[in-house]
Amino acid sequence: MTVYNTGKVKIGLGYTPPNITEMSEDELVIQRGLLGVRKSCMSDAIATIVVVFGIAALATWWSA
């Protein structure tokens, strides 16, 4: 970063960029659990619909 010198004050002299930490997937899961963040219910709903239609298709095929 370039420090801007006004003659009396050097603007940005003490600036340090923020530290960005990379988190693994395991760390994210632990953090979500500790914070109480729940996963989206949409994936559960889609899975339920797929299973129900699969069972219905098997039932019609099995009875035929």
C-alpha atoms as a PDB file:
ATOM      1  CA  MET A   1       0.000   0.000   0.000  1.00  0.00           C
ATOM      2  CA  THR A   2       1.187   3.471  -0.803  1.00  0.00           C
ATOM      3  CA  VAL A   3       1.463   5.888   2.121  1.00  0.00           C
ATOM      4  CA  TYR A   4       0.154   9.363   1.349  1.00  0.00           C
ATOM      5  CA  ASN A   5       2.315  12.079   2.875  1.00  0.00           C
ATOM      6  CA  THR A   6       0.517  15.394   3.472  1.00  0.00           C
ATOM      7  CA  GLY A   7       3.656  17.048   4.833  1.00  0.00           C
ATOM      8  CA  LYS A   8       2.433  16.813   8.426  1.00  0.00           C
ATOM      9  CA  VAL A   9       0.721  13.432   8.499  1.00  0.00           C
ATOM     10  CA  LYS A  10       1.475  10.182   6.725  1.00  0.00           C
ATOM     11  CA  ILE A  11      -1.900   8.668   5.908  1.00  0.00           C
ATOM     12  CA  GLY A  12      -1.968   4.894   5.882  1.00  0.00           C
ATOM     13  CA  LEU A  13       1.380   4.435   7.593  1.00  0.00           C
ATOM     14  CA  GLY A  14       0.058   2.034  10.235  1.00  0.00           C
ATOM     15  CA  TYR A  15      -2.303   0.093   7.963  1.00  0.00           C
ATOM     16  CA  THR A  16      -1.944  -3.642   7.891  1.00  0.00           C
ATOM     17  CA  PRO A  17      -4.219  -5.696   5.675  1.00  0.00           C
ATOM     18  CA  PRO A  18      -6.601  -8.046   7.489  1.00  0.00           C
ATOM     19  CA  ASN A  19      -5.554 -11.655   7.923  1.00  0.00           C
ATOM     20  CA  ILE A  20      -7.718 -13.995   5.878  1.00  0.00           C
ATOM     21  CA  THR A  21      -7.776 -17.504   7.246  1.00  0.00           C
ATOM     22  CA  GLU A  22      -8.734 -20.464   5.122  1.00  0.00           C
ATOM     23  CA  MET A  23     -11.076 -22.923   6.824  1.00  0.00           C
ATOM     24  CA  SER A  24     -11.379 -26.592   6.008  1.00  0.00           C
ATOM     25  CA  GLU A  25     -14.791 -28.207   5.493  1.00  0.00           C
ATOM     26  CA  ASP A  26     -14.496 -29.928   8.888  1.00  0.00           C
ATOM     27  CA  GLU A  27     -13.873 -26.605  10.614  1.00  0.00           C
ATOM     28  CA  LEU A  28     -16.900 -25.091   8.874  1.00  0.00           C
ATOM     29  CA  VAL A  29     -19.112 -27.984  10.019  1.00  0.00           C
ATOM     30  CA  ILE A  30     -17.924 -27.561  13.608  1.00  0.00           C
ATOM     31  CA  GLN A  31     -18.480 -23.808  13.460  1.00  0.00           C
ATOM     32  CA  ARG A  32     -21.993 -24.222  12.051  1.00  0.00           C
ATOM     33  CA  GLY A  33     -22.788 -26.715  14.799  1.00  0.00           C
ATOM     34  CA  LEU A  34     -21.544 -24.416  17.544  1.00  0.00           C
ATOM     35  CA  LEU A  35     -23.464 -21.455  16.117  1.00  0.00           C
ATOM     36  CA  GLY A  36     -26.630 -23.500  15.670  1.00  0.00           C
ATOM     37  CA  VAL A  37     -26.806 -22.916  11.917  1.00  0.00           C
ATOM     38  CA  ARG A  38     -28.969 -25.574  10.300  1.00  0.00           C
ATOM     39  CA  LYS A  39     -28.572 -26.827   6.791  1.00  0.00           C
ATOM     40  CA  SER A  40     -31.149 -26.018   4.177  1.00  0.00           C
ATOM     41  CA  CYS A  41     -34.353 -28.053   4.354  1.00  0.00           C
ATOM     42  CA  MET A  42     -34.693 -27.852   0.573  1.00  0.00           C
ATOM     43  CA  SER A  43     -32.241 -30.702  -0.005  1.00  0.00           C
ATOM     44  CA  ASP A  44     -34.169 -32.880   2.463  1.00  0.00           C
ATOM     45  CA  ALA A  45     -37.448 -32.044   0.730  1.00  0.00           C
ATOM     46  CA  ILE A  46     -36.072 -32.891  -2.715  1.00  0.00           C
ATOM     47  CA  ALA A  47     -34.666 -36.186  -1.436  1.00  0.00           C
ATOM     48  CA  THR A  48     -38.020 -37.074   0.136  1.00  0.00           C
ATOM     49  CA  ILE A  49     -39.896 -36.336  -3.101  1.00  0.00           C
ATOM     50  CA  VAL A  50     -37.457 -38.439  -5.131  1.00  0.00           C
ATOM     51  CA  VAL A  51     -37.802 -41.378  -2.724  1.00  0.00           C
ATOM     52  CA  VAL A  52     -41.616 -41.171  -2.708  1.00  0.00           C
ATOM     53  CA  PHE A  53     -41.808 -41.111  -6.512  1.00  0.00           C
ATOM     54  CA  GLY A  54     -39.292 -43.949  -6.666  1.00  0.00           C
ATOM     55  CA  ILE A  55     -41.378 -46.094  -4.328  1.00  0.00           C
ATOM     56  CA  ALA A  56     -44.539 -45.274  -6.308  1.00  0.00           C
ATOM     57  CA  ALA A  57     -42.810 -46.243  -9.575  1.00  0.00           C
ATOM     58  CA  LEU A  58     -41.577 -49.519  -8.062  1.00  0.00           C
ATOM     59  CA  ALA A  59     -45.044 -50.278  -6.680  1.00  0.00           C
ATOM     60  CA  THR A  60     -46.704 -49.788 -10.073  1.00  0.00           C
ATOM     61  CA  TRP A  61     -43.997 -51.812 -11.819  1.00  0.00           C
ATOM     62  CA  TRP A  62     -44.125 -54.599  -9.221  1.00  0.00           C
ATOM     63  CA  SER A  63     -47.929 -54.954  -9.398  1.00  0.00           C
ATOM     64  CA  ALA A  64     -47.990 -55.080 -13.211  1.00  0.00           C
END
